[in-house]
């Protein structure tokens, strides 16, 4: 079983929100064959904790406005080096560069297929 069309659509919205907030190296991974608790992960990098929070906030806002989705839980808001937004069938990870390098989620899930998420060009300032 692979990630559903709805999940992929929501991941695209989340990825574009992250991209508009200058997130780095945005990756979507289909974990549906490996995990029971989620179909996909979205991972986005940020240069500092303030940017992590801004990206996570924008993702949450857009997913509510466009998909009527709210996270079931949020973790890491205080330290803001790794914010996890659990939307039940997909999970968003927004991480500082240091946390992302240390935890290496992409390497942990290297056997899972990547999802092709088209990113819009960010709006000009």
Protein backbone atom coordinates (compact mmCIF):
# COMPACT_ATOMS: atom_id res chain seq x y z
CA UNK A 1 0.00 0.00 0.00
CA UNK A 2 1.32 3.45 -0.78
CA UNK A 3 0.49 6.93 0.43
CA UNK A 4 -3.01 8.00 -0.60
CA UNK A 5 -3.80 10.75 -3.08
CA UNK A 6 -5.11 12.91 -0.22
CA UNK A 7 -1.89 12.48 1.76
CA UNK A 8 0.23 13.35 -1.28
CA UNK A 9 -1.91 16.43 -1.93
CA UNK A 10 -1.54 17.60 1.69
CA UNK A 11 2.22 16.93 1.56
CA UNK A 12 2.43 19.13 -1.52
CA UNK A 13 0.66 21.95 0.31
CA UNK A 14 2.93 21.53 3.33
CA UNK A 15 6.05 21.36 1.17
CA UNK A 16 5.12 24.53 -0.69
CA UNK A 17 4.42 26.33 2.59
CA UNK A 18 7.87 25.29 3.81
CA UNK A 19 9.43 26.33 0.52
CA UNK A 20 7.80 29.77 0.72
CA UNK A 21 9.35 30.18 4.18
CA UNK A 22 12.81 29.36 2.74
CA UNK A 23 13.06 25.82 4.09
CA UNK A 24 16.01 23.84 2.80
CA UNK A 25 16.18 20.37 1.24
CA UNK A 26 12.48 19.46 1.46
CA UNK A 27 11.96 15.70 1.20
CA UNK A 28 8.80 13.56 1.19
CA UNK A 29 9.13 9.87 2.02
CA UNK A 30 6.48 7.15 1.61
CA UNK A 31 6.72 5.05 4.79
CA UNK A 32 3.39 3.26 4.33
CA UNK A 33 4.99 -0.14 3.66
CA UNK A 34 7.17 0.12 6.77
CA UNK A 35 5.03 1.89 9.37
CA UNK A 36 1.50 1.31 10.56
CA UNK A 37 1.15 4.72 12.22
CA UNK A 38 1.75 6.95 9.17
CA UNK A 39 1.80 6.84 5.38
CA UNK A 40 4.41 9.52 4.77
CA UNK A 41 6.95 11.89 6.27
CA UNK A 42 7.81 15.38 5.12
CA UNK A 43 11.22 16.62 6.24
CA UNK A 44 12.32 20.23 5.88
CA UNK A 45 15.47 21.98 7.06
CA UNK A 46 15.96 25.40 8.62
CA UNK A 47 19.02 27.37 9.56
CA UNK A 48 17.89 28.32 13.09
CA UNK A 49 15.16 27.69 15.70
CA UNK A 50 13.27 30.85 14.80
CA UNK A 51 12.97 29.69 11.20
CA UNK A 52 11.91 26.20 12.36
CA UNK A 53 8.97 27.75 14.22
CA UNK A 54 8.03 30.01 11.30
CA UNK A 55 8.05 27.10 8.85
CA UNK A 56 6.03 24.85 11.17
CA UNK A 57 3.48 27.61 11.78
CA UNK A 58 3.05 28.27 8.05
CA UNK A 59 2.64 24.57 7.30
CA UNK A 60 0.03 24.22 10.01
CA UNK A 61 -1.85 27.31 8.81
CA UNK A 62 -1.95 26.24 5.16
CA UNK A 63 -2.97 22.67 5.91
CA UNK A 64 -5.87 23.97 7.95
CA UNK A 65 -6.96 26.51 5.32
CA UNK A 66 -6.58 24.22 2.30
CA UNK A 67 -7.23 20.71 3.71
CA UNK A 68 -9.06 21.44 6.96
CA UNK A 69 -6.37 19.41 8.73
CA UNK A 70 -5.11 20.11 12.24
CA UNK A 71 -2.22 18.23 13.81
CA UNK A 72 -3.14 15.53 16.29
CA UNK A 73 -0.04 16.53 18.24
CA UNK A 74 2.91 18.92 18.14
CA UNK A 75 6.28 18.31 19.68
CA UNK A 76 9.48 20.30 20.03
CA UNK A 77 8.03 23.80 20.07
CA UNK A 78 10.02 24.91 23.12
CA UNK A 79 13.50 24.00 21.89
CA UNK A 80 12.56 24.50 18.21
CA UNK A 81 15.44 22.43 16.91
CA UNK A 82 13.07 19.71 15.70
CA UNK A 83 9.35 20.39 15.47
CA UNK A 84 7.15 17.40 14.74
CA UNK A 85 3.59 17.90 13.51
CA UNK A 86 1.58 14.67 13.53
CA UNK A 87 -1.36 14.83 11.13
CA UNK A 88 -2.25 11.16 11.82
CA UNK A 89 -1.61 9.70 8.35
CA UNK A 90 1.45 11.84 7.70
CA UNK A 91 4.07 13.51 9.89
CA UNK A 92 5.94 16.74 9.23
CA UNK A 93 9.46 17.16 10.61
CA UNK A 94 10.98 20.65 10.56
CA UNK A 95 14.57 20.53 11.79
CA UNK A 96 17.57 22.78 12.18
CA UNK A 97 20.48 21.78 9.98
CA UNK A 98 22.38 20.46 13.02
CA UNK A 99 19.48 18.29 14.22
CA UNK A 100 18.84 17.01 10.74
CA UNK A 101 22.44 15.99 10.31
CA UNK A 102 22.58 14.36 13.77
CA UNK A 103 19.34 12.35 13.49
CA UNK A 104 19.73 11.57 9.76
CA UNK A 105 16.08 10.63 9.16
CA UNK A 106 16.65 10.30 5.42
CA UNK A 107 19.30 7.64 6.09
CA UNK A 108 17.04 5.84 8.56
CA UNK A 109 14.30 5.68 5.92
CA UNK A 110 16.60 5.23 2.90
CA UNK A 111 14.84 1.99 1.88
CA UNK A 112 11.50 3.79 1.54
CA UNK A 113 10.55 5.47 -1.74
CA UNK A 114 10.65 9.22 -2.05
CA UNK A 115 7.52 11.01 -3.17
CA UNK A 116 7.76 13.51 -5.98
CA UNK A 117 6.35 16.73 -4.60
CA UNK A 118 6.29 19.61 -7.07
CA UNK A 119 7.40 22.87 -5.48
CA UNK A 120 6.08 26.17 -6.77
CA UNK A 121 8.52 29.01 -7.24
CA UNK A 122 8.60 31.08 -4.04
CA UNK A 123 6.92 34.45 -4.30
CA UNK A 124 9.30 37.32 -4.98
CA UNK A 125 9.85 39.63 -2.02
